[in-house]
Each structure stands twice: as structure tokens, then as C-alpha cells.
Amino acid sequence: RAFSNYAMGWFRQAPGKERDFVAAVSWSGLRTYYT
């Protein structure tokens, strides 16, 4: 339920490293942010 209420993001984890932020998009799609 309510997928459109959530901001969505992509993270990545390389071998032996922490899970890091890559990109995010707001619920409307109008705002984005990148590492």
C-alpha cells in the first residue's frame, strides 16, 4: 500500500564495505539527490 507516499532510494554495498547511499527521489519525483 501507498507506494507513492514514500521517497525511494538506491544504496550499494561493495564486498567488504559498508552499504552506501547512491541516489534518492521524492514521492512526487520532482526532487532527486545523488552522491
Full PDB file with SEQRES, HELIX, SHEET, SSBOND, CRYST1, ORIGX, SCALE, CONECT and MASTER records, all heavy atoms in Angstrom:
SEQRES   1 A   35  ARG ALA PHE SER ASN TYR ALA MET GLY TRP PHE ARG GLN          
SEQRES   2 A   35  ALA PRO GLY LYS GLU ARG ASP PHE VAL ALA ALA VAL SER          
SEQRES   3 A   35  TRP SER GLY LEU ARG THR TYR TYR THR                          
HELIX    1 AA1 PHE A    3  ASN A    5  5                                   3    
SHEET    1 AA1 3 MET A   8  GLN A  13  0                                        
SHEET    2 AA1 3 ARG A  19  VAL A  25 -1                                        
SHEET    3 AA1 3 THR A  32  TYR A  34 -1                                        
CRYST1    1.000    1.000    1.000  90.00  90.00  90.00 P 1           1          
ORIGX1      1.000000  0.000000  0.000000        0.00000                         
ORIGX2      0.000000  1.000000  0.000000        0.00000                         
ORIGX3      0.000000  0.000000  1.000000        0.00000                         
SCALE1      1.000000  0.000000  0.000000        0.00000                         
SCALE2      0.000000  1.000000  0.000000        0.00000                         
SCALE3      0.000000  0.000000  1.000000        0.00000                         
ATOM      1  N   ARG A   1       0.806  -1.205   0.000  1.00  0.00           N  
ATOM      2  CA  ARG A   1       0.000   0.000   0.000  1.00  0.00           C  
ATOM      3  C   ARG A   1       0.848   1.268   0.000  1.00  0.00           C  
ATOM      4  O   ARG A   1       1.930   1.295   0.532  1.00  0.00           O  
ATOM      5  CB  ARG A   1      -0.908   0.007   1.226  1.00  0.00           C  
ATOM      6  CG  ARG A   1      -1.900  -1.138   1.269  1.00  0.00           C  
ATOM      7  CD  ARG A   1      -2.924  -0.933   2.350  1.00  0.00           C  
ATOM      8  NE  ARG A   1      -2.321  -0.809   3.662  1.00  0.00           N  
ATOM      9  CZ  ARG A   1      -3.007  -0.534   4.764  1.00  0.00           C  
ATOM     10  NH1 ARG A   1      -4.300  -0.320   4.698  1.00  0.00           N  
ATOM     11  NH2 ARG A   1      -2.396  -0.454   5.925  1.00  0.00           N  
ATOM     12  N   ALA A   2       0.283   2.301  -0.626  1.00  0.00           N  
ATOM     13  CA  ALA A   2       0.806   3.661  -0.508  1.00  0.00           C  
ATOM     14  C   ALA A   2       2.248   3.813  -0.993  1.00  0.00           C  
ATOM     15  O   ALA A   2       3.024   4.562  -0.391  1.00  0.00           O  
ATOM     16  CB  ALA A   2       0.691   4.138   0.936  1.00  0.00           C  
ATOM     17  N   PHE A   3       2.588   3.149  -2.071  1.00  0.00           N  
ATOM     18  CA  PHE A   3       3.941   3.301  -2.633  1.00  0.00           C  
ATOM     19  C   PHE A   3       4.241   4.759  -2.906  1.00  0.00           C  
ATOM     20  O   PHE A   3       5.343   5.241  -2.634  1.00  0.00           O  
ATOM     21  CB  PHE A   3       4.051   2.478  -3.914  1.00  0.00           C  
ATOM     22  CG  PHE A   3       5.248   2.835  -4.763  1.00  0.00           C  
ATOM     23  CD1 PHE A   3       6.511   2.400  -4.396  1.00  0.00           C  
ATOM     24  CD2 PHE A   3       5.107   3.583  -5.914  1.00  0.00           C  
ATOM     25  CE1 PHE A   3       7.623   2.710  -5.167  1.00  0.00           C  
ATOM     26  CE2 PHE A   3       6.209   3.904  -6.703  1.00  0.00           C  
ATOM     27  CZ  PHE A   3       7.469   3.468  -6.325  1.00  0.00           C  
ATOM     28  N   SER A   4       3.265   5.481  -3.446  1.00  0.00           N  
ATOM     29  CA  SER A   4       3.518   6.861  -3.848  1.00  0.00           C  
ATOM     30  C   SER A   4       3.723   7.796  -2.662  1.00  0.00           C  
ATOM     31  O   SER A   4       4.086   8.953  -2.844  1.00  0.00           O  
ATOM     32  CB  SER A   4       2.371   7.374  -4.724  1.00  0.00           C  
ATOM     33  OG  SER A   4       1.146   7.326  -4.016  1.00  0.00           O  
ATOM     34  N   ASN A   5       3.488   7.318  -1.449  1.00  0.00           N  
ATOM     35  CA  ASN A   5       3.730   8.139  -0.264  1.00  0.00           C  
ATOM     36  C   ASN A   5       5.196   8.149   0.149  1.00  0.00           C  
ATOM     37  O   ASN A   5       5.590   8.965   0.982  1.00  0.00           O  
ATOM     38  CB  ASN A   5       2.894   7.632   0.916  1.00  0.00           C  
ATOM     39  CG  ASN A   5       1.417   7.938   0.748  1.00  0.00           C  
ATOM     40  OD1 ASN A   5       1.031   8.704  -0.137  1.00  0.00           O  
ATOM     41  ND2 ASN A   5       0.604   7.328   1.568  1.00  0.00           N  
ATOM     42  N   TYR A   6       5.981   7.246  -0.396  1.00  0.00           N  
ATOM     43  CA  TYR A   6       7.355   7.066   0.051  1.00  0.00           C  
ATOM     44  C   TYR A   6       8.353   7.686  -0.915  1.00  0.00           C  
ATOM     45  O   TYR A   6       8.193   7.602  -2.129  1.00  0.00           O  
ATOM     46  CB  TYR A   6       7.687   5.582   0.189  1.00  0.00           C  
ATOM     47  CG  TYR A   6       7.013   4.910   1.348  1.00  0.00           C  
ATOM     48  CD1 TYR A   6       5.778   4.289   1.184  1.00  0.00           C  
ATOM     49  CD2 TYR A   6       7.609   4.895   2.599  1.00  0.00           C  
ATOM     50  CE1 TYR A   6       5.158   3.666   2.251  1.00  0.00           C  
ATOM     51  CE2 TYR A   6       6.987   4.273   3.671  1.00  0.00           C  
ATOM     52  CZ  TYR A   6       5.767   3.662   3.490  1.00  0.00           C  
ATOM     53  OH  TYR A   6       5.149   3.048   4.542  1.00  0.00           O  
ATOM     54  N   ALA A   7       9.394   8.282  -0.342  1.00  0.00           N  
ATOM     55  CA  ALA A   7      10.587   8.552  -1.129  1.00  0.00           C  
ATOM     56  C   ALA A   7      11.283   7.220  -1.380  1.00  0.00           C  
ATOM     57  O   ALA A   7      11.163   6.285  -0.586  1.00  0.00           O  
ATOM     58  CB  ALA A   7      11.519   9.481  -0.370  1.00  0.00           C  
ATOM     59  N   MET A   8      11.995   7.138  -2.481  1.00  0.00           N  
ATOM     60  CA  MET A   8      12.693   5.908  -2.842  1.00  0.00           C  
ATOM     61  C   MET A   8      14.169   6.193  -3.020  1.00  0.00           C  
ATOM     62  O   MET A   8      14.562   7.291  -3.449  1.00  0.00           O  
ATOM     63  CB  MET A   8      12.112   5.332  -4.130  1.00  0.00           C  
ATOM     64  CG  MET A   8      10.641   4.969  -4.039  1.00  0.00           C  
ATOM     65  SD  MET A   8      10.322   3.688  -2.818  1.00  0.00           S  
ATOM     66  CE  MET A   8      11.229   2.318  -3.527  1.00  0.00           C  
ATOM     67  N   GLY A   9      14.970   5.203  -2.702  1.00  0.00           N  
ATOM     68  CA  GLY A   9      16.407   5.391  -2.838  1.00  0.00           C  
ATOM     69  C   GLY A   9      17.103   4.141  -3.329  1.00  0.00           C  
ATOM     70  O   GLY A   9      16.535   3.038  -3.288  1.00  0.00           O  
ATOM     71  N   TRP A  10      18.309   4.335  -3.817  1.00  0.00           N  
ATOM     72  CA  TRP A  10      19.206   3.239  -4.171  1.00  0.00           C  
ATOM     73  C   TRP A  10      20.458   3.362  -3.312  1.00  0.00           C  
ATOM     74  O   TRP A  10      21.025   4.461  -3.179  1.00  0.00           O  
ATOM     75  CB  TRP A  10      19.585   3.284  -5.644  1.00  0.00           C  
ATOM     76  CG  TRP A  10      18.487   2.901  -6.579  1.00  0.00           C  
ATOM     77  CD1 TRP A  10      17.613   3.732  -7.208  1.00  0.00           C  
ATOM     78  CD2 TRP A  10      18.148   1.574  -6.992  1.00  0.00           C  
ATOM     79  NE1 TRP A  10      16.748   3.006  -7.978  1.00  0.00           N  
ATOM     80  CE2 TRP A  10      17.053   1.673  -7.877  1.00  0.00           C  
ATOM     81  CE3 TRP A  10      18.656   0.302  -6.705  1.00  0.00           C  
ATOM     82  CZ2 TRP A  10      16.465   0.565  -8.472  1.00  0.00           C  
ATOM     83  CZ3 TRP A  10      18.069  -0.803  -7.305  1.00  0.00           C  
ATOM     84  CH2 TRP A  10      16.974  -0.673  -8.175  1.00  0.00           C  
ATOM     85  N   PHE A  11      20.855   2.260  -2.750  1.00  0.00           N  
ATOM     86  CA  PHE A  11      22.096   2.142  -1.999  1.00  0.00           C  
ATOM     87  C   PHE A  11      22.928   1.032  -2.635  1.00  0.00           C  
ATOM     88  O   PHE A  11      22.401   0.219  -3.384  1.00  0.00           O  
ATOM     89  CB  PHE A  11      21.803   1.787  -0.537  1.00  0.00           C  
ATOM     90  CG  PHE A  11      21.182   2.904   0.259  1.00  0.00           C  
ATOM     91  CD1 PHE A  11      19.889   3.326   0.008  1.00  0.00           C  
ATOM     92  CD2 PHE A  11      21.894   3.524   1.280  1.00  0.00           C  
ATOM     93  CE1 PHE A  11      19.309   4.352   0.747  1.00  0.00           C  
ATOM     94  CE2 PHE A  11      21.326   4.550   2.031  1.00  0.00           C  
ATOM     95  CZ  PHE A  11      20.023   4.956   1.767  1.00  0.00           C  
ATOM     96  N   ARG A  12      24.203   0.985  -2.319  1.00  0.00           N  
ATOM     97  CA  ARG A  12      25.039  -0.090  -2.830  1.00  0.00           C  
ATOM     98  C   ARG A  12      26.057  -0.513  -1.795  1.00  0.00           C  
ATOM     99  O   ARG A  12      26.468   0.277  -0.948  1.00  0.00           O  
ATOM    100  CB  ARG A  12      25.746   0.330  -4.120  1.00  0.00           C  
ATOM    101  CG  ARG A  12      26.757   1.466  -3.978  1.00  0.00           C  
ATOM    102  CD  ARG A  12      27.267   1.870  -5.355  1.00  0.00           C  
ATOM    103  NE  ARG A  12      28.220   2.978  -5.275  1.00  0.00           N  
ATOM    104  CZ  ARG A  12      28.724   3.597  -6.339  1.00  0.00           C  
ATOM    105  NH1 ARG A  12      28.373   3.211  -7.571  1.00  0.00           N  
ATOM    106  NH2 ARG A  12      29.579   4.584  -6.181  1.00  0.00           N  
ATOM    107  N   GLN A  13      26.435  -1.785  -1.904  1.00  0.00           N  
ATOM    108  CA  GLN A  13      27.398  -2.351  -0.968  1.00  0.00           C  
ATOM    109  C   GLN A  13      28.423  -3.171  -1.731  1.00  0.00           C  
ATOM    110  O   GLN A  13      28.084  -4.206  -2.313  1.00  0.00           O  
ATOM    111  CB  GLN A  13      26.700  -3.208   0.083  1.00  0.00           C  
ATOM    112  CG  GLN A  13      27.600  -3.675   1.198  1.00  0.00           C  
ATOM    113  CD  GLN A  13      26.819  -4.229   2.381  1.00  0.00           C  
ATOM    114  OE1 GLN A  13      25.619  -4.524   2.285  1.00  0.00           O  
ATOM    115  NE2 GLN A  13      27.471  -4.344   3.521  1.00  0.00           N  
ATOM    116  N   ALA A  14      29.647  -2.691  -1.717  1.00  0.00           N  
ATOM    117  CA  ALA A  14      30.744  -3.412  -2.345  1.00  0.00           C  
ATOM    118  C   ALA A  14      31.281  -4.460  -1.370  1.00  0.00           C  
ATOM    119  O   ALA A  14      31.098  -4.313  -0.153  1.00  0.00           O  
ATOM    120  CB  ALA A  14      31.847  -2.440  -2.748  1.00  0.00           C  
ATOM    121  N   PRO A  15      31.954  -5.492  -1.862  1.00  0.00           N  
ATOM    122  CA  PRO A  15      32.476  -6.528  -0.974  1.00  0.00           C  
ATOM    123  C   PRO A  15      33.363  -5.953   0.124  1.00  0.00           C  
ATOM    124  O   PRO A  15      34.282  -5.171  -0.155  1.00  0.00           O  
ATOM    125  CB  PRO A  15      33.280  -7.428  -1.921  1.00  0.00           C  
ATOM    126  CG  PRO A  15      32.644  -7.223  -3.248  1.00  0.00           C  
ATOM    127  CD  PRO A  15      32.211  -5.787  -3.287  1.00  0.00           C  
ATOM    128  N   GLY A  16      33.059  -6.305   1.357  1.00  0.00           N  
ATOM    129  CA  GLY A  16      33.869  -5.870   2.479  1.00  0.00           C  
ATOM    130  C   GLY A  16      33.669  -4.430   2.897  1.00  0.00           C  
ATOM    131  O   GLY A  16      34.420  -3.914   3.739  1.00  0.00           O  
ATOM    132  N   LYS A  17      32.665  -3.776   2.319  1.00  0.00           N  
ATOM    133  CA  LYS A  17      32.444  -2.367   2.644  1.00  0.00           C  
ATOM    134  C   LYS A  17      31.035  -2.142   3.195  1.00  0.00           C  
ATOM    135  O   LYS A  17      30.184  -3.027   3.152  1.00  0.00           O  
ATOM    136  CB  LYS A  17      32.671  -1.502   1.404  1.00  0.00           C  
ATOM    137  CG  LYS A  17      34.116  -1.539   0.913  1.00  0.00           C  
ATOM    138  CD  LYS A  17      34.358  -0.500  -0.170  1.00  0.00           C  
ATOM    139  CE  LYS A  17      35.810  -0.465  -0.589  1.00  0.00           C  
ATOM    140  NZ  LYS A  17      36.072   0.568  -1.627  1.00  0.00           N  
ATOM    141  N   GLU A  18      30.819  -0.930   3.684  1.00  0.00           N  
ATOM    142  CA  GLU A  18      29.516  -0.564   4.199  1.00  0.00           C  
ATOM    143  C   GLU A  18      28.524  -0.329   3.061  1.00  0.00           C  
ATOM    144  O   GLU A  18      28.915  -0.113   1.915  1.00  0.00           O  
ATOM    145  CB  GLU A  18      29.633   0.729   5.021  1.00  0.00           C  
ATOM    146  CG  GLU A  18      30.508   0.620   6.258  1.00  0.00           C  
ATOM    147  CD  GLU A  18      29.862  -0.257   7.314  1.00  0.00           C  
ATOM    148  OE1 GLU A  18      28.645  -0.112   7.526  1.00  0.00           O  
ATOM    149  OE2 GLU A  18      30.564  -1.089   7.907  1.00  0.00           O  
ATOM    150  N   ARG A  19      27.254  -0.376   3.399  1.00  0.00           N  
ATOM    151  CA  ARG A  19      26.212  -0.054   2.422  1.00  0.00           C  
ATOM    152  C   ARG A  19      26.099   1.468   2.341  1.00  0.00           C  
ATOM    153  O   ARG A  19      25.816   2.137   3.333  1.00  0.00           O  
ATOM    154  CB  ARG A  19      24.879  -0.665   2.840  1.00  0.00           C  
ATOM    155  CG  ARG A  19      23.807  -0.575   1.760  1.00  0.00           C  
ATOM    156  CD  ARG A  19      22.558  -1.302   2.158  1.00  0.00           C  
ATOM    157  NE  ARG A  19      22.794  -2.719   2.427  1.00  0.00           N  
ATOM    158  CZ  ARG A  19      21.838  -3.603   2.687  1.00  0.00           C  
ATOM    159  NH1 ARG A  19      20.571  -3.206   2.717  1.00  0.00           N  
ATOM    160  NH2 ARG A  19      22.133  -4.860   2.922  1.00  0.00           N  
ATOM    161  N   ASP A  20      26.305   1.995   1.140  1.00  0.00           N  
ATOM    162  CA  ASP A  20      26.374   3.442   0.942  1.00  0.00           C  
ATOM    163  C   ASP A  20      25.228   3.955   0.090  1.00  0.00           C  
ATOM    164  O   ASP A  20      24.734   3.265  -0.807  1.00  0.00           O  
ATOM    165  CB  ASP A  20      27.687   3.830   0.257  1.00  0.00           C  
ATOM    166  CG  ASP A  20      28.898   3.586   1.136  1.00  0.00           C  
ATOM    167  OD1 ASP A  20      28.778   3.705   2.367  1.00  0.00           O  
ATOM    168  OD2 ASP A  20      29.965   3.270   0.582  1.00  0.00           O  
ATOM    169  N   PHE A  21      24.867   5.193   0.343  1.00  0.00           N  
ATOM    170  CA  PHE A  21      23.826   5.864  -0.419  1.00  0.00           C  
ATOM    171  C   PHE A  21      24.291   6.134  -1.846  1.00  0.00           C  
ATOM    172  O   PHE A  21      25.440   6.514  -2.074  1.00  0.00           O  
ATOM    173  CB  PHE A  21      23.470   7.187   0.268  1.00  0.00           C  
ATOM    174  CG  PHE A  21      22.604   8.091  -0.543  1.00  0.00           C  
ATOM    175  CD1 PHE A  21      21.235   7.881  -0.621  1.00  0.00           C  
ATOM    176  CD2 PHE A  21      23.149   9.155  -1.236  1.00  0.00           C  
ATOM    177  CE1 PHE A  21      20.430   8.715  -1.369  1.00  0.00           C  
ATOM    178  CE2 PHE A  21      22.355  10.001  -1.991  1.00  0.00           C  
ATOM    179  CZ  PHE A  21      20.997   9.783  -2.056  1.00  0.00           C  
ATOM    180  N   VAL A  22      23.364   5.987  -2.804  1.00  0.00           N  
ATOM    181  CA  VAL A  22      23.658   6.295  -4.200  1.00  0.00           C  
ATOM    182  C   VAL A  22      22.775   7.436  -4.693  1.00  0.00           C  
ATOM    183  O   VAL A  22      23.266   8.439  -5.201  1.00  0.00           O  
ATOM    184  CB  VAL A  22      23.462   5.060  -5.097  1.00  0.00           C  
ATOM    185  CG1 VAL A  22      23.678   5.424  -6.569  1.00  0.00           C  
ATOM    186  CG2 VAL A  22      24.393   3.932  -4.685  1.00  0.00           C  
ATOM    187  N   ALA A  23      21.445   7.267  -4.565  1.00  0.00           N  
ATOM    188  CA  ALA A  23      20.523   8.254  -5.121  1.00  0.00           C  
ATOM    189  C   ALA A  23      19.180   8.141  -4.428  1.00  0.00           C  
ATOM    190  O   ALA A  23      18.834   7.079  -3.904  1.00  0.00           O  
ATOM    191  CB  ALA A  23      20.348   8.047  -6.623  1.00  0.00           C  
ATOM    192  N   ALA A  24      18.420   9.241  -4.436  1.00  0.00           N  
ATOM    193  CA  ALA A  24      17.080   9.249  -3.877  1.00  0.00           C  
ATOM    194  C   ALA A  24      16.159  10.098  -4.740  1.00  0.00           C  
ATOM    195  O   ALA A  24      16.607  11.042  -5.405  1.00  0.00           O  
ATOM    196  CB  ALA A  24      17.087   9.788  -2.444  1.00  0.00           C  
ATOM    197  N   VAL A  25      14.879   9.756  -4.694  1.00  0.00           N  
ATOM    198  CA  VAL A  25      13.865  10.519  -5.417  1.00  0.00           C  
ATOM    199  C   VAL A  25      12.676  10.693  -4.487  1.00  0.00           C  
ATOM    200  O   VAL A  25      12.294   9.770  -3.758  1.00  0.00           O  
ATOM    201  CB  VAL A  25      13.468   9.811  -6.734  1.00  0.00           C  
ATOM    202  CG1 VAL A  25      12.912   8.416  -6.485  1.00  0.00           C  
ATOM    203  CG2 VAL A  25      12.485  10.653  -7.538  1.00  0.00           C  
ATOM    204  N   SER A  26      12.094  11.886  -4.481  1.00  0.00           N  
ATOM    205  CA  SER A  26      10.958  12.158  -3.610  1.00  0.00           C  
ATOM    206  C   SER A  26       9.712  11.434  -4.096  1.00  0.00           C  
ATOM    207  O   SER A  26       9.681  10.891  -5.202  1.00  0.00           O  
ATOM    208  CB  SER A  26      10.698  13.659  -3.557  1.00  0.00           C  
ATOM    209  OG  SER A  26      10.363  14.139  -4.858  1.00  0.00           O  
ATOM    210  N   TRP A  27       8.652  11.469  -3.298  1.00  0.00           N  
ATOM    211  CA  TRP A  27       7.447  10.728  -3.652  1.00  0.00           C  
ATOM    212  C   TRP A  27       6.856  11.218  -4.975  1.00  0.00           C  
ATOM    213  O   TRP A  27       6.294  10.440  -5.733  1.00  0.00           O  
ATOM    214  CB  TRP A  27       6.392  10.867  -2.548  1.00  0.00           C  
ATOM    215  CG  TRP A  27       5.855  12.265  -2.394  1.00  0.00           C  
ATOM    216  CD1 TRP A  27       6.330  13.254  -1.595  1.00  0.00           C  
ATOM    217  CD2 TRP A  27       4.738  12.823  -3.103  1.00  0.00           C  
ATOM    218  NE1 TRP A  27       5.592  14.399  -1.742  1.00  0.00           N  
ATOM    219  CE2 TRP A  27       4.602  14.169  -2.656  1.00  0.00           C  
ATOM    220  CE3 TRP A  27       3.845  12.338  -4.053  1.00  0.00           C  
ATOM    221  CZ2 TRP A  27       3.626  15.005  -3.147  1.00  0.00           C  
ATOM    222  CZ3 TRP A  27       2.861  13.181  -4.528  1.00  0.00           C  
ATOM    223  CH2 TRP A  27       2.755  14.504  -4.071  1.00  0.00           C  
ATOM    224  N   SER A  28       7.023  12.510  -5.246  1.00  0.00           N  
ATOM    225  CA  SER A  28       6.462  13.087  -6.473  1.00  0.00           C  
ATOM    226  C   SER A  28       7.373  12.900  -7.677  1.00  0.00           C  
ATOM    227  O   SER A  28       6.947  13.074  -8.822  1.00  0.00           O  
ATOM    228  CB  SER A  28       6.233  14.582  -6.270  1.00  0.00           C  
ATOM    229  OG  SER A  28       7.474  15.245  -6.089  1.00  0.00           O  
ATOM    230  N   GLY A  29       8.630  12.588  -7.414  1.00  0.00           N  
ATOM    231  CA  GLY A  29       9.607  12.500  -8.498  1.00  0.00           C  
ATOM    232  C   GLY A  29      10.255  13.826  -8.841  1.00  0.00           C  
ATOM    233  O   GLY A  29      11.157  13.874  -9.678  1.00  0.00           O  
ATOM    234  N   LEU A  30       9.838  14.889  -8.170  1.00  0.00           N  
ATOM    235  CA  LEU A  30      10.336  16.229  -8.523  1.00  0.00           C  
ATOM    236  C   LEU A  30      11.695  16.541  -7.901  1.00  0.00           C  
ATOM    237  O   LEU A  30      12.429  17.399  -8.394  1.00  0.00           O  
ATOM    238  CB  LEU A  30       9.316  17.288  -8.105  1.00  0.00           C  
ATOM    239  CG  LEU A  30       7.967  17.227  -8.824  1.00  0.00           C  
ATOM    240  CD1 LEU A  30       7.045  18.319  -8.310  1.00  0.00           C  
ATOM    241  CD2 LEU A  30       8.156  17.355 -10.341  1.00  0.00           C  
ATOM    242  N   ARG A  31      11.992  15.895  -6.794  1.00  0.00           N  
ATOM    243  CA  ARG A  31      13.286  16.115  -6.152  1.00  0.00           C  
ATOM    244  C   ARG A  31      14.130  14.856  -6.269  1.00  0.00           C  
ATOM    245  O   ARG A  31      13.646  13.755  -6.041  1.00  0.00           O  
ATOM    246  CB  ARG A  31      13.097  16.459  -4.675  1.00  0.00           C  
ATOM    247  CG  ARG A  31      12.493  17.821  -4.393  1.00  0.00           C  
ATOM    248  CD  ARG A  31      12.425  18.057  -2.897  1.00  0.00           C  
ATOM    249  NE  ARG A  31      11.459  17.171  -2.256  1.00  0.00           N  
ATOM    250  CZ  ARG A  31      11.394  16.952  -0.952  1.00  0.00           C  
ATOM    251  NH1 ARG A  31      12.279  17.535  -0.145  1.00  0.00           N  
ATOM    252  NH2 ARG A  31      10.471  16.160  -0.445  1.00  0.00           N  
ATOM    253  N   THR A  32      15.388  15.061  -6.626  1.00  0.00           N  
ATOM    254  CA  THR A  32      16.352  13.964  -6.655  1.00  0.00           C  
ATOM    255  C   THR A  32      17.637  14.408  -5.973  1.00  0.00           C  
ATOM    256  O   THR A  32      17.919  15.607  -5.853  1.00  0.00           O  
ATOM    257  CB  THR A  32      16.668  13.508  -8.090  1.00  0.00           C  
ATOM    258  OG1 THR A  32      17.185  14.633  -8.828  1.00  0.00           O  
ATOM    259  CG2 THR A  32      15.438  12.964  -8.784  1.00  0.00           C  
ATOM    260  N   TYR A  33      18.398  13.424  -5.548  1.00  0.00           N  
ATOM    261  CA  TYR A  33      19.671  13.713  -4.881  1.00  0.00           C  
ATOM    262  C   TYR A  33      20.611  12.561  -5.143  1.00  0.00           C  
ATOM    263  O   TYR A  33      20.192  11.395  -5.146  1.00  0.00           O  
ATOM    264  CB  TYR A  33      19.442  13.892  -3.377  1.00  0.00           C  
ATOM    265  CG  TYR A  33      20.662  14.357  -2.625  1.00  0.00           C  
ATOM    266  CD1 TYR A  33      21.050  15.686  -2.659  1.00  0.00           C  
ATOM    267  CD2 TYR A  33      21.432  13.464  -1.888  1.00  0.00           C  
ATOM    268  CE1 TYR A  33      22.166  16.123  -1.982  1.00  0.00           C  
ATOM    269  CE2 TYR A  33      22.557  13.889  -1.206  1.00  0.00           C  
ATOM    270  CZ  TYR A  33      22.920  15.225  -1.253  1.00  0.00           C  
ATOM    271  OH  TYR A  33      24.028  15.651  -0.586  1.00  0.00           O  
ATOM    272  N   TYR A  34      21.897  12.885  -5.365  1.00  0.00           N  
ATOM    273  CA  TYR A  34      22.891  11.868  -5.715  1.00  0.00           C  
ATOM    274  C   TYR A  34      24.149  12.023  -4.880  1.00  0.00           C  
ATOM    275  O   TYR A  34      24.524  13.141  -4.509  1.00  0.00           O  
ATOM    276  CB  TYR A  34      23.278  11.999  -7.185  1.00  0.00           C  
ATOM    277  CG  TYR A  34      22.131  11.833  -8.154  1.00  0.00           C  
ATOM    278  CD1 TYR A  34      21.380  12.925  -8.565  1.00  0.00           C  
ATOM    279  CD2 TYR A  34      21.802  10.577  -8.664  1.00  0.00           C  
ATOM    280  CE1 TYR A  34      20.322  12.769  -9.443  1.00  0.00           C  
ATOM    281  CE2 TYR A  34      20.752  10.411  -9.553  1.00  0.00           C  
ATOM    282  CZ  TYR A  34      20.018  11.516  -9.927  1.00  0.00           C  
ATOM    283  OH  TYR A  34      18.968  11.359 -10.811  1.00  0.00           O  
ATOM    284  N   THR A  35      24.803  10.915  -4.633  1.00  0.00           N  
ATOM    285  CA  THR A  35      26.130  11.006  -4.069  1.00  0.00           C  
ATOM    286  C   THR A  35      27.068  11.553  -5.131  1.00  0.00           C  
ATOM    287  O   THR A  35      26.844  11.370  -6.343  1.00  0.00           O  
ATOM    288  CB  THR A  35      26.600   9.627  -3.562  1.00  0.00           C  
ATOM    289  OG1 THR A  35      27.764   9.784  -2.768  1.00  0.00           O  
ATOM    290  CG2 THR A  35      26.873   8.661  -4.705  1.00  0.00           C  
TER     291      THR A  35                                                      
MASTER        0    0    0    1    3    0    0    6  290    1    0    3          
END                                                                             
